[in-house]
Amino acid sequence: MILFFSTILMLIFITLSGIHIYWALGGKWGADEAIPSIKGDKKVFEPGPIATLIVAFGLLCFAAIVYFNAFDSGVKSNWFFNIIQTKGLWLIVIMFLLRAIGEFKYVGFFKKVKDTSFGKADTQIFTPLCLGISVISFVLIIIKN
C-alpha cells in the first residue's frame, strides 16, 4: 500500500516539476492559468525563470522525501536523511493543506476572486490537487507508523 501511494505522489511531484521547468524555459502551455490574477486576468505577480526553477527544484525535493520514506535506501543512519524521513512528510502535509485552504483572496477553497482564468483553474484543479497531496501524504504517515 505504501508503494502505491508513494508512487502516485512521486509521479505528481515529478510531473509538476517538469511543468515548472518547461515554463522556466519559456513554455506557454497552461501558464495563463497558473498565476493568480485579478479582474481582466491581470496577473498579481510575474515569476521569472529563476523563481520558477526554484519551485521545480522544491517539487523534486518533495519527490525525494516521498522516495526516502517509501524505499529502504540504506541511508537511514545518516542524520540528515533520518530528519527527512521523520519530518519530511509532515512538511508536505502542512504546506499543501495550507495551500488548499488558501490566503482568502486569490487562492484556495476560501478565495474571493473566483471569476478569472486562474480562479477557475484553482477551484477545479489546483486546490483539489493540493488537498489530495496533503491527504495522501498523511495516509503515508499513518501507514508508516
N, C-alpha and C. Protein backbone atom coordinates (compact mmCIF):
# COMPACT_ATOMS: atom_id res chain seq x y z
N MET A 1 0.82 -1.19 0.00
CA MET A 1 0.00 0.00 0.00
C MET A 1 0.87 1.27 0.00
N ILE A 2 1.95 1.21 0.77
CA ILE A 2 2.85 2.37 0.85
C ILE A 2 3.49 2.64 -0.52
N LEU A 3 3.81 1.58 -1.25
CA LEU A 3 4.42 1.76 -2.57
C LEU A 3 3.43 2.38 -3.55
N PHE A 4 2.17 2.00 -3.46
CA PHE A 4 1.14 2.55 -4.34
C PHE A 4 1.00 4.05 -4.13
N PHE A 5 0.77 4.47 -2.89
CA PHE A 5 0.59 5.89 -2.60
C PHE A 5 1.87 6.68 -2.84
N SER A 6 3.00 6.10 -2.52
CA SER A 6 4.28 6.79 -2.75
C SER A 6 4.53 7.01 -4.23
N THR A 7 4.24 6.01 -5.03
CA THR A 7 4.42 6.14 -6.48
C THR A 7 3.53 7.23 -7.05
N ILE A 8 2.28 7.27 -6.60
CA ILE A 8 1.37 8.33 -7.06
C ILE A 8 1.94 9.70 -6.71
N LEU A 9 2.36 9.88 -5.47
CA LEU A 9 2.91 11.18 -5.05
C LEU A 9 4.17 11.54 -5.82
N MET A 10 5.08 10.59 -5.98
CA MET A 10 6.31 10.88 -6.72
C MET A 10 6.00 11.29 -8.16
N LEU A 11 5.07 10.59 -8.80
CA LEU A 11 4.70 10.94 -10.18
C LEU A 11 4.08 12.34 -10.25
N ILE A 12 3.25 12.68 -9.27
CA ILE A 12 2.66 14.02 -9.23
C ILE A 12 3.75 15.07 -9.10
N PHE A 13 4.67 14.87 -8.14
CA PHE A 13 5.71 15.87 -7.91
C PHE A 13 6.67 15.99 -9.10
N ILE A 14 7.02 14.87 -9.70
CA ILE A 14 7.93 14.90 -10.86
C ILE A 14 7.24 15.57 -12.05
N THR A 15 5.97 15.27 -12.26
CA THR A 15 5.22 15.91 -13.35
C THR A 15 5.12 17.41 -13.14
N LEU A 16 4.75 17.82 -11.92
CA LEU A 16 4.65 19.25 -11.63
C LEU A 16 6.00 19.95 -11.78
N SER A 17 7.05 19.28 -11.37
CA SER A 17 8.39 19.85 -11.53
C SER A 17 8.72 20.02 -13.01
N GLY A 18 8.40 19.03 -13.81
CA GLY A 18 8.64 19.12 -15.25
C GLY A 18 7.88 20.26 -15.89
N ILE A 19 6.64 20.48 -15.47
CA ILE A 19 5.86 21.60 -16.00
C ILE A 19 6.52 22.93 -15.63
N HIS A 20 7.01 23.04 -14.40
CA HIS A 20 7.68 24.27 -13.99
C HIS A 20 8.99 24.50 -14.76
N ILE A 21 9.71 23.43 -15.04
CA ILE A 21 10.93 23.56 -15.85
C ILE A 21 10.56 24.03 -17.26
N TYR A 22 9.50 23.45 -17.81
CA TYR A 22 9.00 23.86 -19.13
C TYR A 22 8.70 25.36 -19.14
N TRP A 23 8.00 25.84 -18.10
CA TRP A 23 7.69 27.27 -18.02
C TRP A 23 8.95 28.11 -17.87
N ALA A 24 9.89 27.65 -17.06
CA ALA A 24 11.14 28.40 -16.86
C ALA A 24 11.91 28.54 -18.16
N LEU A 25 11.78 27.56 -19.03
CA LEU A 25 12.47 27.59 -20.32
C LEU A 25 11.68 28.33 -21.39
N GLY A 26 10.56 28.93 -21.00
CA GLY A 26 9.79 29.75 -21.94
C GLY A 26 8.51 29.14 -22.45
N GLY A 27 8.15 27.96 -21.98
CA GLY A 27 6.91 27.33 -22.43
C GLY A 27 5.69 28.14 -22.03
N LYS A 28 4.66 28.08 -22.84
CA LYS A 28 3.45 28.89 -22.61
C LYS A 28 2.23 28.07 -22.22
N TRP A 29 2.21 26.75 -22.52
CA TRP A 29 1.03 25.95 -22.24
C TRP A 29 0.69 26.00 -20.75
N GLY A 30 -0.53 26.38 -20.43
CA GLY A 30 -1.00 26.41 -19.06
C GLY A 30 -0.52 27.58 -18.22
N ALA A 31 0.36 28.38 -18.76
CA ALA A 31 0.96 29.47 -17.97
C ALA A 31 -0.06 30.55 -17.61
N ASP A 32 -1.02 30.81 -18.48
CA ASP A 32 -2.01 31.85 -18.20
C ASP A 32 -2.89 31.50 -16.99
N GLU A 33 -3.13 30.23 -16.78
CA GLU A 33 -3.97 29.80 -15.68
C GLU A 33 -3.18 29.52 -14.41
N ALA A 34 -1.87 29.59 -14.46
CA ALA A 34 -1.04 29.15 -13.33
C ALA A 34 -0.71 30.24 -12.32
N ILE A 35 -0.95 31.50 -12.67
CA ILE A 35 -0.60 32.62 -11.79
C ILE A 35 -1.88 33.32 -11.35
N PRO A 36 -2.04 33.59 -10.05
CA PRO A 36 -3.23 34.31 -9.60
C PRO A 36 -3.39 35.64 -10.34
N SER A 37 -4.64 35.96 -10.65
CA SER A 37 -4.92 37.18 -11.39
C SER A 37 -6.15 37.88 -10.82
N ILE A 38 -6.28 39.16 -11.21
CA ILE A 38 -7.44 39.94 -10.80
C ILE A 38 -8.32 40.16 -12.02
N LYS A 39 -9.34 40.94 -11.88
CA LYS A 39 -10.27 41.19 -12.99
C LYS A 39 -9.51 41.50 -14.27
N GLY A 40 -10.03 40.99 -15.37
CA GLY A 40 -9.37 41.20 -16.66
C GLY A 40 -8.15 40.32 -16.82
N ASP A 41 -7.99 39.34 -15.96
CA ASP A 41 -6.86 38.41 -15.98
C ASP A 41 -5.50 39.10 -15.90
N LYS A 42 -5.44 40.24 -15.19
CA LYS A 42 -4.15 40.90 -14.92
C LYS A 42 -3.46 40.12 -13.79
N LYS A 43 -2.24 39.66 -14.04
CA LYS A 43 -1.51 38.83 -13.10
C LYS A 43 -1.17 39.59 -11.82
N VAL A 44 -1.29 38.92 -10.69
CA VAL A 44 -0.94 39.51 -9.40
C VAL A 44 0.57 39.68 -9.29
N PHE A 45 1.32 38.73 -9.87
CA PHE A 45 2.78 38.80 -9.92
C PHE A 45 3.25 38.02 -11.13
N GLU A 46 4.47 38.26 -11.55
CA GLU A 46 5.08 37.56 -12.69
C GLU A 46 6.38 36.91 -12.24
N PRO A 47 6.36 35.61 -11.95
CA PRO A 47 7.61 34.97 -11.54
C PRO A 47 8.56 34.82 -12.72
N GLY A 48 9.82 35.03 -12.47
CA GLY A 48 10.82 34.86 -13.50
C GLY A 48 11.28 33.42 -13.60
N PRO A 49 12.19 33.16 -14.53
CA PRO A 49 12.69 31.79 -14.71
C PRO A 49 13.39 31.23 -13.48
N ILE A 50 14.13 32.06 -12.75
CA ILE A 50 14.85 31.56 -11.56
C ILE A 50 13.85 31.13 -10.49
N ALA A 51 12.85 31.95 -10.22
CA ALA A 51 11.83 31.59 -9.22
C ALA A 51 11.09 30.32 -9.63
N THR A 52 10.81 30.20 -10.91
CA THR A 52 10.10 29.02 -11.40
C THR A 52 10.97 27.77 -11.27
N LEU A 53 12.27 27.90 -11.52
CA LEU A 53 13.18 26.77 -11.34
C LEU A 53 13.32 26.40 -9.86
N ILE A 54 13.26 27.37 -8.98
CA ILE A 54 13.32 27.08 -7.54
C ILE A 54 12.11 26.26 -7.13
N VAL A 55 10.93 26.61 -7.65
CA VAL A 55 9.72 25.82 -7.37
C VAL A 55 9.89 24.40 -7.93
N ALA A 56 10.43 24.29 -9.14
CA ALA A 56 10.65 22.98 -9.76
C ALA A 56 11.59 22.14 -8.90
N PHE A 57 12.65 22.75 -8.39
CA PHE A 57 13.60 22.03 -7.53
C PHE A 57 12.92 21.61 -6.23
N GLY A 58 12.11 22.48 -5.65
CA GLY A 58 11.38 22.13 -4.43
C GLY A 58 10.45 20.95 -4.64
N LEU A 59 9.78 20.91 -5.77
CA LEU A 59 8.89 19.79 -6.07
C LEU A 59 9.68 18.49 -6.23
N LEU A 60 10.87 18.58 -6.83
CA LEU A 60 11.73 17.38 -6.91
C LEU A 60 12.19 16.94 -5.52
N CYS A 61 12.44 17.90 -4.65
CA CYS A 61 12.80 17.57 -3.27
C CYS A 61 11.66 16.85 -2.57
N PHE A 62 10.42 17.29 -2.83
CA PHE A 62 9.26 16.59 -2.25
C PHE A 62 9.19 15.15 -2.76
N ALA A 63 9.48 14.96 -4.06
CA ALA A 63 9.50 13.60 -4.61
C ALA A 63 10.57 12.77 -3.90
N ALA A 64 11.72 13.38 -3.62
CA ALA A 64 12.80 12.67 -2.91
C ALA A 64 12.38 12.32 -1.48
N ILE A 65 11.68 13.23 -0.82
CA ILE A 65 11.20 12.94 0.54
C ILE A 65 10.28 11.73 0.52
N VAL A 66 9.38 11.69 -0.44
CA VAL A 66 8.47 10.54 -0.55
C VAL A 66 9.27 9.27 -0.84
N TYR A 67 10.24 9.37 -1.72
CA TYR A 67 11.08 8.21 -2.06
C TYR A 67 11.79 7.67 -0.81
N PHE A 68 12.43 8.56 -0.05
CA PHE A 68 13.17 8.12 1.13
C PHE A 68 12.26 7.54 2.20
N ASN A 69 10.99 7.91 2.17
CA ASN A 69 10.04 7.33 3.12
C ASN A 69 9.49 6.00 2.63
N ALA A 70 9.47 5.79 1.33
CA ALA A 70 8.86 4.59 0.77
C ALA A 70 9.84 3.43 0.61
N PHE A 71 11.08 3.74 0.32
CA PHE A 71 12.03 2.69 -0.01
C PHE A 71 13.18 2.70 0.98
N ASP A 72 13.67 1.52 1.29
CA ASP A 72 14.84 1.41 2.16
C ASP A 72 16.06 1.72 1.31
N SER A 73 16.55 2.94 1.46
CA SER A 73 17.64 3.40 0.60
C SER A 73 19.02 3.15 1.20
N GLY A 74 19.07 2.59 2.39
CA GLY A 74 20.35 2.29 3.01
C GLY A 74 21.03 3.49 3.63
N VAL A 75 20.36 4.63 3.71
CA VAL A 75 20.98 5.83 4.28
C VAL A 75 20.29 6.26 5.57
N LYS A 76 19.55 5.36 6.19
CA LYS A 76 18.79 5.71 7.38
C LYS A 76 19.68 6.10 8.56
N SER A 77 20.92 5.66 8.54
CA SER A 77 21.81 6.00 9.64
C SER A 77 22.32 7.45 9.55
N ASN A 78 22.18 8.06 8.38
CA ASN A 78 22.60 9.43 8.19
C ASN A 78 21.58 10.35 8.86
N TRP A 79 22.05 11.27 9.71
CA TRP A 79 21.14 12.15 10.47
C TRP A 79 20.25 12.99 9.57
N PHE A 80 20.78 13.45 8.43
CA PHE A 80 20.01 14.28 7.51
C PHE A 80 18.83 13.50 6.94
N PHE A 81 19.09 12.30 6.45
CA PHE A 81 18.03 11.50 5.87
C PHE A 81 17.06 11.01 6.94
N ASN A 82 17.52 10.84 8.15
CA ASN A 82 16.64 10.48 9.25
C ASN A 82 15.63 11.61 9.51
N ILE A 83 16.09 12.86 9.47
CA ILE A 83 15.18 14.00 9.64
C ILE A 83 14.19 14.06 8.48
N ILE A 84 14.68 13.84 7.27
CA ILE A 84 13.80 13.84 6.10
C ILE A 84 12.71 12.79 6.26
N GLN A 85 13.11 11.61 6.72
CA GLN A 85 12.13 10.54 6.86
C GLN A 85 11.14 10.81 7.98
N THR A 86 11.57 11.41 9.06
CA THR A 86 10.66 11.62 10.18
C THR A 86 9.82 12.89 10.05
N LYS A 87 10.34 13.92 9.43
CA LYS A 87 9.63 15.21 9.38
C LYS A 87 9.19 15.62 7.98
N GLY A 88 9.77 15.05 6.95
CA GLY A 88 9.51 15.49 5.58
C GLY A 88 8.07 15.35 5.14
N LEU A 89 7.46 14.20 5.44
CA LEU A 89 6.07 14.02 5.03
C LEU A 89 5.15 14.99 5.77
N TRP A 90 5.48 15.28 7.03
CA TRP A 90 4.68 16.26 7.77
C TRP A 90 4.78 17.64 7.12
N LEU A 91 5.97 17.99 6.63
CA LEU A 91 6.14 19.25 5.92
C LEU A 91 5.23 19.31 4.70
N ILE A 92 5.18 18.22 3.94
CA ILE A 92 4.33 18.16 2.75
C ILE A 92 2.85 18.28 3.15
N VAL A 93 2.44 17.54 4.17
CA VAL A 93 1.05 17.60 4.63
C VAL A 93 0.67 19.03 4.97
N ILE A 94 1.48 19.69 5.79
CA ILE A 94 1.15 21.03 6.26
C ILE A 94 1.18 22.05 5.12
N MET A 95 2.23 22.02 4.30
CA MET A 95 2.35 23.00 3.22
C MET A 95 1.19 22.91 2.23
N PHE A 96 0.85 21.70 1.81
CA PHE A 96 -0.20 21.56 0.81
C PHE A 96 -1.59 21.73 1.40
N LEU A 97 -1.77 21.43 2.69
CA LEU A 97 -3.04 21.73 3.34
C LEU A 97 -3.25 23.23 3.44
N LEU A 98 -2.19 23.95 3.82
CA LEU A 98 -2.27 25.41 3.88
C LEU A 98 -2.54 26.00 2.50
N ARG A 99 -1.93 25.44 1.47
CA ARG A 99 -2.17 25.92 0.10
C ARG A 99 -3.63 25.67 -0.31
N ALA A 100 -4.17 24.51 0.09
CA ALA A 100 -5.56 24.21 -0.24
C ALA A 100 -6.52 25.15 0.48
N ILE A 101 -6.23 25.47 1.72
CA ILE A 101 -7.06 26.43 2.45
C ILE A 101 -6.95 27.80 1.81
N GLY A 102 -5.73 28.22 1.50
CA GLY A 102 -5.50 29.46 0.77
C GLY A 102 -5.26 30.65 1.66
N GLU A 103 -5.17 31.81 1.01
CA GLU A 103 -4.91 33.06 1.71
C GLU A 103 -6.14 33.96 1.70
N PHE A 104 -7.28 33.41 1.30
CA PHE A 104 -8.61 34.03 1.38
C PHE A 104 -8.88 35.13 0.35
N LYS A 105 -7.94 35.38 -0.55
CA LYS A 105 -8.22 36.37 -1.59
C LYS A 105 -8.12 35.75 -2.99
N TYR A 106 -6.96 35.18 -3.33
CA TYR A 106 -6.74 34.69 -4.69
C TYR A 106 -6.66 33.17 -4.81
N VAL A 107 -6.23 32.46 -3.77
CA VAL A 107 -6.01 31.02 -3.87
C VAL A 107 -6.73 30.26 -2.76
N GLY A 108 -7.03 29.01 -3.05
CA GLY A 108 -7.58 28.12 -2.04
C GLY A 108 -9.11 28.03 -2.05
N PHE A 109 -9.61 27.19 -1.17
CA PHE A 109 -11.04 26.96 -1.09
C PHE A 109 -11.83 28.21 -0.71
N PHE A 110 -11.22 29.12 0.02
CA PHE A 110 -11.93 30.27 0.55
C PHE A 110 -11.59 31.58 -0.17
N LYS A 111 -11.11 31.49 -1.40
CA LYS A 111 -10.73 32.69 -2.16
C LYS A 111 -11.96 33.52 -2.51
N LYS A 112 -11.75 34.81 -2.64
CA LYS A 112 -12.82 35.73 -3.04
C LYS A 112 -12.84 35.96 -4.55
N VAL A 113 -11.67 36.02 -5.18
CA VAL A 113 -11.57 36.25 -6.62
C VAL A 113 -11.65 34.90 -7.32
N LYS A 114 -12.82 34.60 -7.90
CA LYS A 114 -13.07 33.28 -8.47
C LYS A 114 -13.33 33.30 -9.98
N ASP A 115 -13.59 34.47 -10.55
CA ASP A 115 -14.05 34.52 -11.93
C ASP A 115 -12.95 34.85 -12.94
N THR A 116 -11.70 34.57 -12.59
CA THR A 116 -10.59 34.74 -13.52
C THR A 116 -10.17 33.37 -14.04
N SER A 117 -9.29 33.35 -15.02
CA SER A 117 -8.79 32.07 -15.55
C SER A 117 -8.13 31.27 -14.43
N PHE A 118 -7.29 31.96 -13.64
CA PHE A 118 -6.64 31.26 -12.53
C PHE A 118 -7.67 30.81 -11.50
N GLY A 119 -8.61 31.67 -11.16
CA GLY A 119 -9.61 31.34 -10.15
C GLY A 119 -10.38 30.08 -10.50
N LYS A 120 -10.75 29.96 -11.76
CA LYS A 120 -11.49 28.77 -12.21
C LYS A 120 -10.60 27.53 -12.18
N ALA A 121 -9.36 27.66 -12.66
CA ALA A 121 -8.42 26.53 -12.64
C ALA A 121 -8.08 26.15 -11.20
N ASP A 122 -7.97 27.14 -10.34
CA ASP A 122 -7.66 26.86 -8.94
C ASP A 122 -8.80 26.08 -8.29
N THR A 123 -10.03 26.47 -8.57
CA THR A 123 -11.18 25.78 -7.99
C THR A 123 -11.30 24.35 -8.52
N GLN A 124 -11.07 24.17 -9.80
CA GLN A 124 -11.28 22.86 -10.42
C GLN A 124 -10.09 21.92 -10.32
N ILE A 125 -8.86 22.47 -10.31
CA ILE A 125 -7.67 21.61 -10.40
C ILE A 125 -6.70 21.81 -9.24
N PHE A 126 -6.18 23.03 -9.09
CA PHE A 126 -5.04 23.26 -8.19
C PHE A 126 -5.37 22.99 -6.72
N THR A 127 -6.46 23.56 -6.23
CA THR A 127 -6.80 23.38 -4.81
C THR A 127 -7.15 21.93 -4.49
N PRO A 128 -7.99 21.25 -5.30
CA PRO A 128 -8.24 19.84 -5.01
C PRO A 128 -6.96 18.99 -5.09
N LEU A 129 -6.07 19.32 -6.03
CA LEU A 129 -4.80 18.59 -6.14
C LEU A 129 -3.97 18.77 -4.87
N CYS A 130 -3.89 20.00 -4.37
CA CYS A 130 -3.13 20.26 -3.14
C CYS A 130 -3.73 19.52 -1.96
N LEU A 131 -5.05 19.51 -1.86
CA LEU A 131 -5.70 18.78 -0.77
C LEU A 131 -5.42 17.28 -0.91
N GLY A 132 -5.48 16.77 -2.14
CA GLY A 132 -5.18 15.36 -2.38
C GLY A 132 -3.76 15.00 -2.00
N ILE A 133 -2.81 15.85 -2.35
CA ILE A 133 -1.41 15.62 -1.98
C ILE A 133 -1.27 15.58 -0.47
N SER A 134 -1.93 16.50 0.21
CA SER A 134 -1.86 16.55 1.67
C SER A 134 -2.46 15.29 2.28
N VAL A 135 -3.61 14.87 1.79
CA VAL A 135 -4.28 13.68 2.34
C VAL A 135 -3.45 12.42 2.08
N ILE A 136 -2.95 12.26 0.86
CA ILE A 136 -2.14 11.07 0.55
C ILE A 136 -0.88 11.05 1.40
N SER A 137 -0.25 12.20 1.59
CA SER A 137 0.95 12.26 2.44
C SER A 137 0.61 11.87 3.88
N PHE A 138 -0.54 12.33 4.36
CA PHE A 138 -0.97 11.97 5.72
C PHE A 138 -1.25 10.48 5.82
N VAL A 139 -1.85 9.91 4.78
CA VAL A 139 -2.09 8.46 4.76
C VAL A 139 -0.76 7.71 4.83
N LEU A 140 0.26 8.20 4.12
CA LEU A 140 1.60 7.57 4.19
C LEU A 140 2.16 7.61 5.59
N ILE A 141 1.95 8.72 6.28
CA ILE A 141 2.44 8.83 7.67
C ILE A 141 1.75 7.77 8.53
N ILE A 142 0.45 7.65 8.37
CA ILE A 142 -0.31 6.67 9.16
C ILE A 142 0.13 5.25 8.85
N ILE A 143 0.30 4.94 7.57
CA ILE A 143 0.71 3.59 7.17
C ILE A 143 2.10 3.27 7.73
N LYS A 144 3.01 4.26 7.67
CA LYS A 144 4.39 4.03 8.14
C LYS A 144 4.46 3.77 9.64
N ASN A 145 3.57 4.40 10.39
CA ASN A 145 3.62 4.26 11.85
C ASN A 145 2.62 3.28 12.31
